[in-house]
Amino acid sequence: MRYRYLGRTGVQVSEYMLGTMSYGADGNTDEKECIQILHSALDRGINFIDTADTYSHGESEEIVGKAIAGRRDKVVLATKFRLTAGEGRNEQGASRYWIMKQVENSLRRLNTDHIDLYQMHRPDLQTDLEETLGALNDLVAQGKVRYIGCSTMPSWYLAETQSVSRLNKTARFINESSPYSIFQRAVERETLPAVQHYGMGFTAWSPMNGGWLTGKYKADVSVPAGSRAERVQGQWGQHYPILQTRFDMQREGNRRKLELLPKLESIATEAGVSLMHMAQAFPLAHAAVTSVILGPRTLEQFKSMEAGFETVLQSATLDQIDALVPPGSLIEEADRGYVSPWLAPEVRRYLGKAA
């Protein structure tokens, strides 16, 4: 396993980060197997773990807490807050009210006294950044959080967070986590340059584009049983009410993916690697990327990914990928990760405020 510095923190983290979104009721309900995956990752040299308060309604954090017991000091542990985590009106968002409550819930579920990287899970345009960053700064001062970061933010918002932290002399976001894959290269336009400019780390989620870049989805073939497409039935659309996107093979972007996959498989074959290993190694070729988040649901999936940990793509292979899917491309709009609420009709056509 190779390691990279997390922005300018001086902390070294593994090039691959273990994502645990699929652990618990919303994915793998076999707790023993989930813990086996976590232990296998740690044994293989992965020291960077990603979870969130909303993954399986907090169950993922509980599983992670059990798995790292006795090995906590070897792990750089990241979790997130912001998305709806309960039925109450204020059980979501980035207000001081919710942050101070939810951090305690995460600490309890993770069975730890501190979180190494506490990340804001999407923007909250209804809450002043001064309030959010002030609350997070207090958590750093209290020792409950070591560093703060964010996930899937537009570049202008990243810039604003850095300015507010500088003006108010508070802790700043040291990491951004966004979707980045061969099929989702939009972050190359502004997000990755912003990350480099501000000396932040960057963790790439969905490097396999929700399973597309494993080659499991093919034209005129039913969606595989047990696949993410079958389970989620929305290509992440449940998080983006503006899109209300379903996993529809007839969508223009998805049809384009089906056309590109055989060509990408040929590039991978020429390079002597599998399509999946080419996909998981692709983000690491960008200088701004710190780690790639892999989210195996089963131990078998982890072993398949592990076989590609040493893969490094050569310039010739990257050039071929660029010729097929140009830098900055976004094949399917539903893969963007964050859609600005300012695009909603009620905001565009009336004097309203984004939700």
Foldseek 3Di string as FASTA:
>chain_A
DDWDDFFPPRDIFDQEEAEQLQDPDLHFPPLVQSLVLVVVCVVLPGQEYEEECPRNLNQSLLSQLVSCVVPVVSHQAEYEFADQNDDDPPCGHQALVNVVVVLVVSCVSSVHQAHAEYEYEEHDPVDDLLRNQVSVQVCCVVRRYVAYAYEQYDLVVLVVQVVSCVVVVGGGHQEYEYADWLQAQQCVPRVLVSNVVVRHAYEHEPLCQQVLQQVQDAPPDDRDPSGSLVSVQASPCVVPVQCSHGPDCPPQLNVVSNVCNVVLQVLQVVVVHGSVLCSQQVVVVDPRHRHYYDHDSGSVVSVVNSVNSPDHDDPVSVVSSCVSRNRNHHSDPSRSSDDFQCPDPVNVPDVDDGD
